Amino acid sequence: MAGSMGSLELKQSRLGWGALKDPADGDLLSGITAQEQCWAETLPSSIKQRFLCSRFLVRRWLAHWFDIDPLEIPLKAPPGVPPLLAQGWGEVSWSHSAERLLLGWSRKQIGVDLERASRPLAAKALMQRFFPEIEQAQLVHLKGDALHQAVLSSWVAKEALIKQKRSSMALELSDWCKEYNQPIARHLPSGISWPVQVSRISSDAELWLVGWSGAMVPPLETFVSS
């Protein structure tokens, strides 16, 4: 089945999120591949379980959308490498923050990012170090929480864009200028503007920023842990 989705083809982009909770050990090991288990063994113990849990949930959620068994999802997602689905199965991207996982799928290449709006951040120092001067000039009038939210929103947008391009923040962060309060960012070396959306959603008395770059933003679905 890995060559094509066939009758399982999804026609609309999907975006979902839910709790990043550890399943029972038996469920976890039966819901990931032998290769994913081998990759996990190379990781420090502090991140091994999170790696396994995220792959388990990504497979489970994609399987829900495709209506097939989770282990039939042709996913290749080693640690630290952009995830890939087999040719013909579309594009996938995900992000986790605190105890939440955000998953996006589309026929087109996409990138997603998730952050808590309350994440501690030295906003002014981060802006001065990593943002291009043209973007700093748009934010210089902001103070306090307004600056914090603008910088964090820009960061989320850029992370989603850079994931879409399958690059890294270390290489490209300073190359992007997010237009303040606009769903667009400009890639300064090329001069090309890219659409990117950052939404604010509230859940369990907490505010979250959801970034999406690529195709048209689909409605956000909630996955409920069984």
N, C-alpha and C. Protein backbone atom coordinates (compact mmCIF):
# COMPACT_ATOMS: atom_id res chain seq x y z
N MET A 1 0.81 -1.22 0.00
CA MET A 1 0.00 0.00 0.00
C MET A 1 0.84 1.26 0.00
N ALA A 2 2.14 1.16 0.27
CA ALA A 2 2.94 2.35 0.51
C ALA A 2 3.14 3.21 -0.73
N GLY A 3 2.79 2.73 -1.91
CA GLY A 3 3.01 3.53 -3.10
C GLY A 3 1.93 4.55 -3.37
N SER A 4 0.70 4.29 -2.90
CA SER A 4 -0.39 5.19 -3.21
C SER A 4 -1.50 5.02 -2.19
N MET A 5 -2.26 6.09 -1.97
CA MET A 5 -3.37 6.00 -1.04
C MET A 5 -4.58 5.35 -1.68
N GLY A 6 -4.65 5.34 -3.02
CA GLY A 6 -5.77 4.73 -3.71
C GLY A 6 -7.10 5.28 -3.24
N SER A 7 -8.00 4.37 -2.84
CA SER A 7 -9.33 4.79 -2.41
C SER A 7 -9.29 5.52 -1.08
N LEU A 8 -8.13 5.51 -0.40
CA LEU A 8 -8.02 6.18 0.89
C LEU A 8 -7.63 7.64 0.77
N GLU A 9 -7.54 8.13 -0.46
CA GLU A 9 -7.02 9.48 -0.69
C GLU A 9 -7.82 10.54 0.06
N LEU A 10 -7.10 11.40 0.75
CA LEU A 10 -7.71 12.56 1.38
C LEU A 10 -7.64 13.73 0.41
N LYS A 11 -8.70 14.47 0.30
CA LYS A 11 -8.74 15.57 -0.66
C LYS A 11 -8.55 16.92 0.01
N GLN A 12 -8.80 17.02 1.31
CA GLN A 12 -8.69 18.27 2.02
C GLN A 12 -7.57 18.19 3.06
N SER A 13 -6.87 19.30 3.25
CA SER A 13 -5.86 19.36 4.31
C SER A 13 -6.52 19.13 5.66
N ARG A 14 -5.72 18.62 6.60
CA ARG A 14 -6.25 18.35 7.94
C ARG A 14 -5.29 18.91 8.98
N LEU A 15 -5.86 19.33 10.10
CA LEU A 15 -5.08 19.87 11.21
C LEU A 15 -5.75 19.42 12.50
N GLY A 16 -4.99 18.74 13.34
CA GLY A 16 -5.56 18.25 14.59
C GLY A 16 -4.60 18.39 15.75
N TRP A 17 -5.14 18.39 16.94
CA TRP A 17 -4.28 18.45 18.12
C TRP A 17 -4.94 17.71 19.28
N GLY A 18 -4.12 17.39 20.26
CA GLY A 18 -4.63 16.68 21.42
C GLY A 18 -3.55 16.54 22.46
N ALA A 19 -3.88 15.82 23.52
CA ALA A 19 -2.95 15.63 24.63
C ALA A 19 -1.82 14.70 24.23
N LEU A 20 -0.61 15.05 24.64
CA LEU A 20 0.57 14.22 24.39
C LEU A 20 0.81 13.39 25.65
N LYS A 21 0.00 12.35 25.80
CA LYS A 21 0.06 11.51 26.99
C LYS A 21 0.66 10.15 26.64
N ASP A 22 1.43 9.59 27.57
CA ASP A 22 2.02 8.28 27.36
C ASP A 22 0.95 7.20 27.41
N PRO A 23 0.85 6.38 26.35
CA PRO A 23 -0.07 5.25 26.41
C PRO A 23 0.53 4.13 27.27
N ALA A 24 -0.24 3.11 27.52
CA ALA A 24 0.28 1.94 28.22
C ALA A 24 1.42 1.33 27.43
N ASP A 25 2.40 0.77 28.13
CA ASP A 25 3.59 0.25 27.45
C ASP A 25 3.24 -0.74 26.36
N GLY A 26 2.28 -1.62 26.60
CA GLY A 26 1.91 -2.60 25.59
C GLY A 26 1.32 -1.95 24.36
N ASP A 27 0.45 -0.96 24.57
CA ASP A 27 -0.13 -0.24 23.43
C ASP A 27 0.95 0.52 22.67
N LEU A 28 1.87 1.14 23.40
CA LEU A 28 2.92 1.93 22.76
C LEU A 28 3.78 1.06 21.84
N LEU A 29 4.27 -0.05 22.35
CA LEU A 29 5.19 -0.88 21.57
C LEU A 29 4.48 -1.57 20.41
N SER A 30 3.18 -1.79 20.53
CA SER A 30 2.44 -2.41 19.43
C SER A 30 1.98 -1.38 18.40
N GLY A 31 2.17 -0.09 18.72
CA GLY A 31 1.69 0.96 17.82
C GLY A 31 2.76 1.73 17.10
N ILE A 32 4.02 1.30 17.23
CA ILE A 32 5.12 1.91 16.48
C ILE A 32 5.90 0.80 15.79
N THR A 33 6.74 1.18 14.83
CA THR A 33 7.48 0.18 14.07
C THR A 33 8.76 -0.23 14.80
N ALA A 34 9.32 -1.36 14.34
CA ALA A 34 10.60 -1.82 14.90
C ALA A 34 11.69 -0.79 14.65
N GLN A 35 11.65 -0.13 13.49
CA GLN A 35 12.64 0.89 13.18
C GLN A 35 12.54 2.07 14.15
N GLU A 36 11.32 2.48 14.47
CA GLU A 36 11.13 3.58 15.42
C GLU A 36 11.63 3.19 16.80
N GLN A 37 11.43 1.94 17.18
CA GLN A 37 11.96 1.48 18.46
C GLN A 37 13.49 1.52 18.47
N CYS A 38 14.11 1.14 17.34
CA CYS A 38 15.58 1.19 17.24
C CYS A 38 16.08 2.62 17.32
N TRP A 39 15.42 3.54 16.62
CA TRP A 39 15.82 4.95 16.70
C TRP A 39 15.73 5.45 18.13
N ALA A 40 14.68 5.05 18.83
CA ALA A 40 14.47 5.52 20.20
C ALA A 40 15.62 5.09 21.11
N GLU A 41 16.18 3.92 20.85
CA GLU A 41 17.25 3.42 21.71
C GLU A 41 18.52 4.25 21.59
N THR A 42 18.65 5.05 20.55
CA THR A 42 19.84 5.90 20.38
C THR A 42 19.70 7.24 21.10
N LEU A 43 18.52 7.51 21.67
CA LEU A 43 18.24 8.82 22.26
C LEU A 43 18.50 8.82 23.76
N PRO A 44 18.83 10.01 24.32
CA PRO A 44 18.93 10.12 25.77
C PRO A 44 17.60 9.75 26.42
N SER A 45 17.66 9.20 27.60
CA SER A 45 16.45 8.75 28.29
C SER A 45 15.45 9.89 28.49
N SER A 46 15.95 11.11 28.60
CA SER A 46 15.08 12.26 28.86
C SER A 46 14.15 12.58 27.69
N ILE A 47 14.50 12.15 26.47
CA ILE A 47 13.64 12.44 25.31
C ILE A 47 13.16 11.18 24.60
N LYS A 48 13.63 10.02 25.02
CA LYS A 48 13.25 8.76 24.37
C LYS A 48 11.74 8.54 24.41
N GLN A 49 11.13 8.70 25.61
CA GLN A 49 9.71 8.42 25.74
C GLN A 49 8.87 9.41 24.93
N ARG A 50 9.30 10.68 24.89
CA ARG A 50 8.55 11.67 24.12
C ARG A 50 8.61 11.35 22.62
N PHE A 51 9.76 10.87 22.16
CA PHE A 51 9.89 10.45 20.75
C PHE A 51 8.92 9.31 20.44
N LEU A 52 8.91 8.29 21.29
CA LEU A 52 8.03 7.15 21.05
C LEU A 52 6.56 7.55 21.10
N CYS A 53 6.21 8.37 22.09
CA CYS A 53 4.82 8.78 22.25
C CYS A 53 4.35 9.61 21.06
N SER A 54 5.19 10.52 20.58
CA SER A 54 4.79 11.35 19.45
C SER A 54 4.58 10.52 18.19
N ARG A 55 5.47 9.55 17.92
CA ARG A 55 5.29 8.70 16.73
C ARG A 55 4.06 7.83 16.87
N PHE A 56 3.81 7.32 18.07
CA PHE A 56 2.61 6.52 18.32
C PHE A 56 1.35 7.34 18.00
N LEU A 57 1.28 8.58 18.51
CA LEU A 57 0.09 9.39 18.30
C LEU A 57 -0.04 9.87 16.86
N VAL A 58 1.08 10.23 16.23
CA VAL A 58 1.02 10.64 14.83
C VAL A 58 0.46 9.50 13.97
N ARG A 59 0.96 8.30 14.19
CA ARG A 59 0.45 7.15 13.43
C ARG A 59 -1.04 6.94 13.73
N ARG A 60 -1.41 7.05 14.97
CA ARG A 60 -2.80 6.83 15.36
C ARG A 60 -3.72 7.87 14.73
N TRP A 61 -3.30 9.13 14.75
CA TRP A 61 -4.15 10.19 14.21
C TRP A 61 -4.21 10.14 12.69
N LEU A 62 -3.08 9.89 12.03
CA LEU A 62 -3.11 9.73 10.58
C LEU A 62 -3.98 8.54 10.18
N ALA A 63 -3.88 7.46 10.94
CA ALA A 63 -4.70 6.28 10.65
C ALA A 63 -6.19 6.61 10.77
N HIS A 64 -6.54 7.48 11.71
CA HIS A 64 -7.93 7.91 11.84
C HIS A 64 -8.38 8.65 10.58
N TRP A 65 -7.53 9.53 10.07
CA TRP A 65 -7.88 10.26 8.85
C TRP A 65 -7.94 9.36 7.63
N PHE A 66 -7.01 8.42 7.52
CA PHE A 66 -6.95 7.53 6.35
C PHE A 66 -7.83 6.29 6.50
N ASP A 67 -8.30 6.04 7.73
CA ASP A 67 -9.14 4.88 8.01
C ASP A 67 -8.41 3.57 7.71
N ILE A 68 -7.17 3.48 8.19
CA ILE A 68 -6.39 2.25 8.07
C ILE A 68 -5.68 1.97 9.39
N ASP A 69 -4.97 0.86 9.47
CA ASP A 69 -4.22 0.52 10.66
C ASP A 69 -3.03 1.47 10.82
N PRO A 70 -2.72 1.91 12.05
CA PRO A 70 -1.59 2.83 12.25
C PRO A 70 -0.26 2.35 11.68
N LEU A 71 0.00 1.06 11.77
CA LEU A 71 1.28 0.53 11.29
C LEU A 71 1.34 0.46 9.76
N GLU A 72 0.22 0.69 9.09
CA GLU A 72 0.22 0.74 7.63
C GLU A 72 0.56 2.13 7.10
N ILE A 73 0.63 3.12 7.98
CA ILE A 73 1.01 4.47 7.55
C ILE A 73 2.48 4.44 7.13
N PRO A 74 2.81 4.78 5.88
CA PRO A 74 4.20 4.71 5.40
C PRO A 74 4.99 5.96 5.81
N LEU A 75 5.25 6.05 7.11
CA LEU A 75 5.89 7.21 7.70
C LEU A 75 7.36 6.92 7.99
N LYS A 76 8.22 7.88 7.61
CA LYS A 76 9.63 7.81 7.97
C LYS A 76 9.97 9.09 8.72
N ALA A 77 10.26 8.95 10.01
CA ALA A 77 10.48 10.13 10.85
C ALA A 77 11.57 9.86 11.88
N PRO A 78 12.84 9.80 11.44
CA PRO A 78 13.93 9.63 12.40
C PRO A 78 14.06 10.85 13.31
N PRO A 79 14.75 10.73 14.42
CA PRO A 79 14.96 11.89 15.30
C PRO A 79 15.69 13.02 14.57
N GLY A 80 15.19 14.24 14.74
CA GLY A 80 15.88 15.42 14.23
C GLY A 80 15.83 15.61 12.73
N VAL A 81 14.97 14.85 12.04
CA VAL A 81 14.88 14.94 10.58
C VAL A 81 13.42 15.22 10.20
N PRO A 82 13.16 16.11 9.21
CA PRO A 82 11.78 16.35 8.80
C PRO A 82 11.08 15.05 8.42
N PRO A 83 9.85 14.84 8.89
CA PRO A 83 9.14 13.59 8.61
C PRO A 83 8.70 13.50 7.15
N LEU A 84 8.64 12.27 6.65
CA LEU A 84 8.23 12.03 5.27
C LEU A 84 7.20 10.91 5.23
N LEU A 85 6.19 11.10 4.39
CA LEU A 85 5.30 10.01 4.00
C LEU A 85 5.73 9.50 2.63
N ALA A 86 5.37 8.26 2.32
CA ALA A 86 5.72 7.69 1.03
C ALA A 86 5.09 8.49 -0.10
N GLN A 87 5.70 8.40 -1.27
CA GLN A 87 5.20 9.13 -2.43
C GLN A 87 3.73 8.80 -2.68
N GLY A 88 2.94 9.84 -2.90
CA GLY A 88 1.52 9.66 -3.14
C GLY A 88 0.66 9.78 -1.90
N TRP A 89 1.30 9.89 -0.74
CA TRP A 89 0.55 9.96 0.51
C TRP A 89 0.46 11.37 1.08
N GLY A 90 0.98 12.35 0.39
CA GLY A 90 0.89 13.73 0.85
C GLY A 90 2.04 14.11 1.77
N GLU A 91 1.85 15.24 2.47
CA GLU A 91 2.89 15.82 3.31
C GLU A 91 2.39 15.93 4.75
N VAL A 92 3.33 15.80 5.69
CA VAL A 92 2.95 15.81 7.10
C VAL A 92 3.94 16.68 7.88
N SER A 93 3.44 17.33 8.92
CA SER A 93 4.28 18.13 9.81
C SER A 93 3.63 18.12 11.18
N TRP A 94 4.46 18.15 12.22
CA TRP A 94 3.90 18.22 13.57
C TRP A 94 4.79 19.00 14.51
N SER A 95 4.22 19.33 15.66
CA SER A 95 4.93 20.11 16.67
C SER A 95 4.34 19.76 18.03
N HIS A 96 5.17 19.77 19.07
CA HIS A 96 4.61 19.59 20.41
C HIS A 96 5.15 20.65 21.35
N SER A 97 4.28 21.04 22.27
CA SER A 97 4.61 22.05 23.27
C SER A 97 3.94 21.64 24.57
N ALA A 98 4.72 21.64 25.66
CA ALA A 98 4.19 21.17 26.94
C ALA A 98 3.59 19.79 26.74
N GLU A 99 2.31 19.62 27.01
CA GLU A 99 1.67 18.30 26.88
C GLU A 99 0.66 18.28 25.74
N ARG A 100 0.96 19.02 24.67
CA ARG A 100 0.07 19.04 23.50
C ARG A 100 0.85 18.69 22.24
N LEU A 101 0.17 18.01 21.32
CA LEU A 101 0.74 17.66 20.03
C LEU A 101 -0.16 18.22 18.93
N LEU A 102 0.45 18.89 17.96
CA LEU A 102 -0.26 19.45 16.81
C LEU A 102 0.21 18.70 15.57
N LEU A 103 -0.74 18.24 14.75
CA LEU A 103 -0.43 17.45 13.55
C LEU A 103 -1.13 18.04 12.34
N GLY A 104 -0.37 18.26 11.27
CA GLY A 104 -0.94 18.74 10.02
C GLY A 104 -0.66 17.79 8.87
N TRP A 105 -1.62 17.70 7.95
CA TRP A 105 -1.45 16.89 6.74
C TRP A 105 -2.03 17.67 5.56
N SER A 106 -1.40 17.51 4.39
CA SER A 106 -1.90 18.15 3.18
C SER A 106 -1.34 17.45 1.96
N ARG A 107 -1.99 17.67 0.84
CA ARG A 107 -1.42 17.22 -0.44
C ARG A 107 -0.20 18.04 -0.80
N LYS A 108 -0.15 19.29 -0.30
CA LYS A 108 0.97 20.19 -0.58
C LYS A 108 1.92 20.20 0.61
N GLN A 109 3.14 20.66 0.38
CA GLN A 109 4.11 20.75 1.47
C GLN A 109 3.67 21.80 2.48
N ILE A 110 3.74 21.46 3.76
CA ILE A 110 3.25 22.33 4.82
C ILE A 110 4.26 22.34 5.98
N GLY A 111 4.04 23.28 6.89
CA GLY A 111 4.76 23.31 8.15
C GLY A 111 3.83 23.79 9.24
N VAL A 112 3.94 23.22 10.43
CA VAL A 112 3.11 23.65 11.56
C VAL A 112 4.00 23.88 12.77
N ASP A 113 3.51 24.72 13.68
CA ASP A 113 4.21 24.93 14.94
C ASP A 113 3.20 25.26 16.03
N LEU A 114 3.55 24.90 17.27
CA LEU A 114 2.66 25.09 18.41
C LEU A 114 3.46 25.62 19.59
N GLU A 115 2.94 26.66 20.24
CA GLU A 115 3.57 27.20 21.44
C GLU A 115 2.50 27.71 22.40
N ARG A 116 2.78 27.61 23.70
CA ARG A 116 1.92 28.26 24.69
C ARG A 116 2.13 29.77 24.61
N ALA A 117 1.05 30.52 24.65
CA ALA A 117 1.17 31.97 24.64
C ALA A 117 1.86 32.49 25.88
N SER A 118 1.86 31.70 26.96
CA SER A 118 2.49 32.12 28.22
C SER A 118 3.96 31.67 28.31
N ARG A 119 4.50 31.12 27.25
CA ARG A 119 5.88 30.65 27.32
C ARG A 119 6.82 31.78 27.74
N PRO A 120 7.66 31.56 28.75
CA PRO A 120 8.61 32.61 29.16
C PRO A 120 9.55 32.95 28.01
N LEU A 121 9.77 34.26 27.83
CA LEU A 121 10.53 34.70 26.66
C LEU A 121 11.16 36.06 26.94
N ALA A 122 12.45 36.18 26.71
CA ALA A 122 13.11 37.49 26.78
C ALA A 122 12.89 38.15 25.42
N ALA A 123 11.69 38.70 25.25
CA ALA A 123 11.24 39.11 23.93
C ALA A 123 12.15 40.15 23.27
N LYS A 124 12.52 41.19 24.00
CA LYS A 124 13.33 42.25 23.40
C LYS A 124 14.70 41.73 23.00
N ALA A 125 15.32 40.95 23.87
CA ALA A 125 16.65 40.41 23.57
C ALA A 125 16.61 39.44 22.40
N LEU A 126 15.58 38.60 22.36
CA LEU A 126 15.45 37.65 21.26
C LEU A 126 15.24 38.39 19.94
N MET A 127 14.37 39.41 19.96
CA MET A 127 14.11 40.19 18.76
C MET A 127 15.39 40.85 18.25
N GLN A 128 16.15 41.46 19.14
CA GLN A 128 17.37 42.17 18.74
C GLN A 128 18.44 41.22 18.21
N ARG A 129 18.44 40.00 18.71
CA ARG A 129 19.47 39.05 18.30
C ARG A 129 19.14 38.34 16.99
N PHE A 130 17.86 37.99 16.79
CA PHE A 130 17.52 37.11 15.68
C PHE A 130 16.66 37.74 14.58
N PHE A 131 15.94 38.82 14.88
CA PHE A 131 15.05 39.37 13.88
C PHE A 131 15.79 40.40 13.03
N PRO A 132 15.51 40.45 11.72
CA PRO A 132 16.15 41.46 10.88
C PRO A 132 15.71 42.87 11.29
N GLU A 133 16.55 43.84 11.01
CA GLU A 133 16.27 45.22 11.44
C GLU A 133 14.95 45.73 10.90
N ILE A 134 14.58 45.33 9.70
CA ILE A 134 13.33 45.82 9.10
C ILE A 134 12.12 45.33 9.90
N GLU A 135 12.22 44.15 10.50
CA GLU A 135 11.14 43.65 11.35
C GLU A 135 11.18 44.29 12.73
N GLN A 136 12.37 44.49 13.27
CA GLN A 136 12.49 45.16 14.56
C GLN A 136 11.85 46.54 14.53
N ALA A 137 11.98 47.22 13.40
CA ALA A 137 11.41 48.56 13.27
C ALA A 137 9.88 48.54 13.37
N GLN A 138 9.25 47.41 13.01
CA GLN A 138 7.80 47.29 13.10
C GLN A 138 7.34 47.03 14.53
N LEU A 139 8.24 46.54 15.38
CA LEU A 139 7.86 46.13 16.73
C LEU A 139 8.39 47.06 17.82
N VAL A 140 9.23 48.02 17.45
CA VAL A 140 9.94 48.82 18.44
C VAL A 140 9.00 49.61 19.34
N HIS A 141 7.78 49.91 18.86
CA HIS A 141 6.84 50.69 19.67
C HIS A 141 6.11 49.85 20.70
N LEU A 142 6.24 48.53 20.65
CA LEU A 142 5.50 47.65 21.55
C LEU A 142 6.24 47.47 22.87
N LYS A 143 5.47 47.28 23.92
CA LYS A 143 6.05 47.08 25.25
C LYS A 143 5.35 45.90 25.94
N GLY A 144 5.99 45.35 26.96
CA GLY A 144 5.37 44.36 27.83
C GLY A 144 4.79 43.18 27.08
N ASP A 145 3.54 42.82 27.46
CA ASP A 145 2.91 41.63 26.89
C ASP A 145 2.68 41.77 25.39
N ALA A 146 2.43 42.99 24.91
CA ALA A 146 2.22 43.18 23.47
C ALA A 146 3.47 42.80 22.69
N LEU A 147 4.65 43.17 23.19
CA LEU A 147 5.90 42.80 22.54
C LEU A 147 6.12 41.29 22.65
N HIS A 148 5.86 40.74 23.83
CA HIS A 148 6.02 39.30 24.05
C HIS A 148 5.20 38.52 23.03
N GLN A 149 3.93 38.89 22.88
CA GLN A 149 3.05 38.16 21.97
C GLN A 149 3.46 38.35 20.51
N ALA A 150 3.90 39.54 20.13
CA ALA A 150 4.32 39.79 18.75
C ALA A 150 5.57 38.99 18.40
N VAL A 151 6.53 38.94 19.32
CA VAL A 151 7.76 38.20 19.08
C VAL A 151 7.47 36.70 19.03
N LEU A 152 6.66 36.21 19.96
CA LEU A 152 6.34 34.79 19.97
C LEU A 152 5.54 34.39 18.73
N SER A 153 4.60 35.23 18.32
CA SER A 153 3.82 34.94 17.12
C SER A 153 4.72 34.90 15.89
N SER A 154 5.67 35.83 15.80
CA SER A 154 6.62 35.83 14.69
C SER A 154 7.46 34.56 14.69
N TRP A 155 7.90 34.16 15.88
CA TRP A 155 8.71 32.94 16.00
C TRP A 155 7.94 31.71 15.52
N VAL A 156 6.66 31.61 15.95
CA VAL A 156 5.82 30.48 15.55
C VAL A 156 5.62 30.47 14.03
N ALA A 157 5.36 31.65 13.46
CA ALA A 157 5.18 31.74 12.00
C ALA A 157 6.44 31.31 11.27
N LYS A 158 7.59 31.77 11.73
CA LYS A 158 8.85 31.42 11.05
C LYS A 158 9.18 29.94 11.20
N GLU A 159 8.89 29.39 12.35
CA GLU A 159 9.15 27.96 12.54
C GLU A 159 8.29 27.14 11.57
N ALA A 160 7.02 27.53 11.41
CA ALA A 160 6.15 26.82 10.47
C ALA A 160 6.66 26.96 9.04
N LEU A 161 7.06 28.16 8.66
CA LEU A 161 7.59 28.39 7.31
C LEU A 161 8.85 27.58 7.05
N ILE A 162 9.75 27.57 8.01
CA ILE A 162 11.02 26.87 7.83
C ILE A 162 10.81 25.36 7.80
N LYS A 163 9.83 24.86 8.56
CA LYS A 163 9.48 23.45 8.45
C LYS A 163 8.92 23.13 7.07
N GLN A 164 8.10 24.04 6.53
CA GLN A 164 7.55 23.83 5.20
C GLN A 164 8.68 23.71 4.17
N LYS A 165 9.72 24.51 4.33
CA LYS A 165 10.85 24.50 3.40
C LYS A 165 11.85 23.38 3.72
N ARG A 166 11.58 22.63 4.79
CA ARG A 166 12.46 21.53 5.22
C ARG A 166 13.89 22.03 5.46
N SER A 167 13.97 23.19 6.09
CA SER A 167 15.25 23.75 6.47
C SER A 167 15.33 23.74 8.00
N SER A 168 16.15 24.63 8.59
CA SER A 168 16.28 24.68 10.04
C SER A 168 16.29 26.12 10.52
N MET A 169 15.85 26.32 11.76
CA MET A 169 15.84 27.65 12.35
C MET A 169 17.26 28.20 12.43
N ALA A 170 18.23 27.34 12.73
CA ALA A 170 19.62 27.80 12.86
C ALA A 170 20.13 28.41 11.56
N LEU A 171 19.66 27.89 10.43
CA LEU A 171 20.12 28.37 9.13
C LEU A 171 19.34 29.57 8.62
N GLU A 172 18.03 29.64 8.93
CA GLU A 172 17.18 30.59 8.21
C GLU A 172 16.43 31.61 9.06
N LEU A 173 16.50 31.51 10.38
CA LEU A 173 15.67 32.38 11.21
C LEU A 173 15.84 33.85 10.86
N SER A 174 17.08 34.30 10.72
CA SER A 174 17.33 35.72 10.47
C SER A 174 17.02 36.14 9.03
N ASP A 175 16.69 35.18 8.18
CA ASP A 175 16.38 35.49 6.77
C ASP A 175 14.93 35.88 6.57
N TRP A 176 14.11 35.76 7.62
CA TRP A 176 12.68 35.99 7.46
C TRP A 176 12.21 37.24 8.20
N CYS A 177 11.36 38.00 7.54
CA CYS A 177 10.72 39.17 8.15
C CYS A 177 9.22 38.94 8.19
N LYS A 178 8.69 38.70 9.37
CA LYS A 178 7.24 38.54 9.53
C LYS A 178 6.60 39.91 9.59
N GLU A 179 5.62 40.14 8.72
CA GLU A 179 4.91 41.41 8.72
C GLU A 179 3.98 41.48 9.93
N TYR A 180 4.12 42.51 10.73
CA TYR A 180 3.37 42.65 11.97
C TYR A 180 1.87 42.65 11.70
N ASN A 181 1.15 41.77 12.38
CA ASN A 181 -0.30 41.65 12.28
C ASN A 181 -0.80 41.32 10.88
N GLN A 182 0.07 40.74 10.05
CA GLN A 182 -0.32 40.33 8.70
C GLN A 182 0.03 38.85 8.50
N PRO A 183 -0.81 38.10 7.74
CA PRO A 183 -0.55 36.67 7.53
C PRO A 183 0.47 36.42 6.42
N ILE A 184 1.63 37.04 6.56
CA ILE A 184 2.64 36.94 5.50
C ILE A 184 4.03 37.19 6.09
N ALA A 185 5.01 36.57 5.50
CA ALA A 185 6.41 36.78 5.88
C ALA A 185 7.25 36.84 4.61
N ARG A 186 8.28 37.67 4.65
CA ARG A 186 9.12 37.86 3.47
C ARG A 186 10.47 37.19 3.68
N HIS A 187 10.87 36.40 2.69
CA HIS A 187 12.19 35.77 2.71
C HIS A 187 13.17 36.78 2.11
N LEU A 188 13.99 37.39 2.97
CA LEU A 188 14.80 38.53 2.54
C LEU A 188 15.82 38.19 1.46
N PRO A 189 16.51 37.05 1.49
CA PRO A 189 17.49 36.78 0.43
C PRO A 189 16.86 36.69 -0.96
N SER A 190 15.63 36.17 -1.05
CA SER A 190 14.98 36.02 -2.36
C SER A 190 13.98 37.13 -2.66
N GLY A 191 13.52 37.83 -1.62
CA GLY A 191 12.50 38.86 -1.80
C GLY A 191 11.10 38.31 -1.98
N ILE A 192 10.93 37.01 -1.81
CA ILE A 192 9.63 36.36 -2.03
C ILE A 192 8.83 36.37 -0.72
N SER A 193 7.55 36.71 -0.82
CA SER A 193 6.66 36.69 0.33
C SER A 193 5.88 35.38 0.38
N TRP A 194 5.75 34.84 1.58
CA TRP A 194 5.08 33.56 1.77
C TRP A 194 3.90 33.77 2.73
N PRO A 195 2.74 33.17 2.43
CA PRO A 195 1.61 33.24 3.37
C PRO A 195 1.85 32.34 4.57
N VAL A 196 1.50 32.83 5.73
CA VAL A 196 1.61 32.03 6.95
C VAL A 196 0.58 32.54 7.95
N GLN A 197 -0.10 31.62 8.61
CA GLN A 197 -1.15 31.98 9.55
C GLN A 197 -0.76 31.58 10.97
N VAL A 198 -1.02 32.47 11.92
CA VAL A 198 -0.86 32.14 13.33
C VAL A 198 -2.20 32.42 14.01
N SER A 199 -2.80 31.35 14.55
CA SER A 199 -4.09 31.47 15.23
C SER A 199 -3.89 31.34 16.73
N ARG A 200 -4.79 31.94 17.48
CA ARG A 200 -4.80 31.82 18.93
C ARG A 200 -6.01 31.02 19.34
N ILE A 201 -5.78 29.95 20.10
CA ILE A 201 -6.89 29.13 20.56
C ILE A 201 -6.77 28.95 22.07
N SER A 202 -7.91 28.79 22.71
CA SER A 202 -7.95 28.62 24.16
C SER A 202 -8.39 27.21 24.49
N SER A 203 -7.68 26.59 25.42
CA SER A 203 -8.04 25.23 25.85
C SER A 203 -7.58 25.03 27.29
N ASP A 204 -8.50 24.52 28.12
CA ASP A 204 -8.18 24.25 29.52
C ASP A 204 -7.56 25.47 30.21
N ALA A 205 -8.18 26.63 29.98
CA ALA A 205 -7.77 27.89 30.61
C ALA A 205 -6.37 28.33 30.18
N GLU A 206 -5.88 27.81 29.07
CA GLU A 206 -4.57 28.22 28.56
C GLU A 206 -4.71 28.66 27.11
N LEU A 207 -3.92 29.68 26.73
CA LEU A 207 -3.94 30.20 25.36
C LEU A 207 -2.74 29.63 24.60
N TRP A 208 -3.00 29.22 23.36
CA TRP A 208 -1.98 28.60 22.52
C TRP A 208 -1.88 29.32 21.19
N LEU A 209 -0.69 29.32 20.62
CA LEU A 209 -0.47 29.85 19.28
C LEU A 209 -0.24 28.67 18.33
N VAL A 210 -1.01 28.65 17.25
CA VAL A 210 -0.94 27.58 16.25
C VAL A 210 -0.49 28.19 14.93
N GLY A 211 0.67 27.75 14.44
CA GLY A 211 1.19 28.25 13.18
C GLY A 211 0.98 27.25 12.06
N TRP A 212 0.63 27.75 10.88
CA TRP A 212 0.39 26.90 9.70
C TRP A 212 0.93 27.62 8.47
N SER A 213 1.76 26.93 7.71
CA SER A 213 2.30 27.48 6.47
C SER A 213 2.14 26.45 5.37
N GLY A 214 1.65 26.90 4.21
CA GLY A 214 1.50 25.99 3.08
C GLY A 214 0.15 26.17 2.42
N ALA A 215 -0.67 25.12 2.46
CA ALA A 215 -1.98 25.16 1.85
C ALA A 215 -2.93 26.00 2.71
N MET A 216 -4.18 26.13 2.24
CA MET A 216 -5.18 26.85 3.01
C MET A 216 -5.38 26.19 4.38
N VAL A 217 -5.50 27.00 5.42
CA VAL A 217 -5.61 26.46 6.77
C VAL A 217 -6.94 25.72 6.95
N PRO A 218 -6.89 24.44 7.34
CA PRO A 218 -8.13 23.71 7.59
C PRO A 218 -8.64 23.96 9.00
N PRO A 219 -9.87 23.58 9.29
CA PRO A 219 -10.37 23.70 10.66
C PRO A 219 -9.54 22.84 11.61
N LEU A 220 -9.40 23.29 12.84
CA LEU A 220 -8.65 22.55 13.84
C LEU A 220 -9.54 21.50 14.49
N GLU A 221 -9.11 20.25 14.41
CA GLU A 221 -9.83 19.14 15.03
C GLU A 221 -9.16 18.80 16.37
N THR A 222 -9.94 18.28 17.28
CA THR A 222 -9.42 17.86 18.58
C THR A 222 -9.48 16.35 18.68
N PHE A 223 -8.33 15.75 19.01
CA PHE A 223 -8.26 14.31 19.26
C PHE A 223 -8.41 14.08 20.75
N VAL A 224 -9.35 13.25 21.12
CA VAL A 224 -9.63 12.96 22.53
C VAL A 224 -8.97 11.64 22.89
N SER A 225 -8.17 11.65 23.94
CA SER A 225 -7.51 10.42 24.38
C SER A 225 -8.55 9.43 24.86
N SER A 226 -8.36 8.18 24.43
CA SER A 226 -9.31 7.14 24.85
C SER A 226 -8.87 6.53 26.18
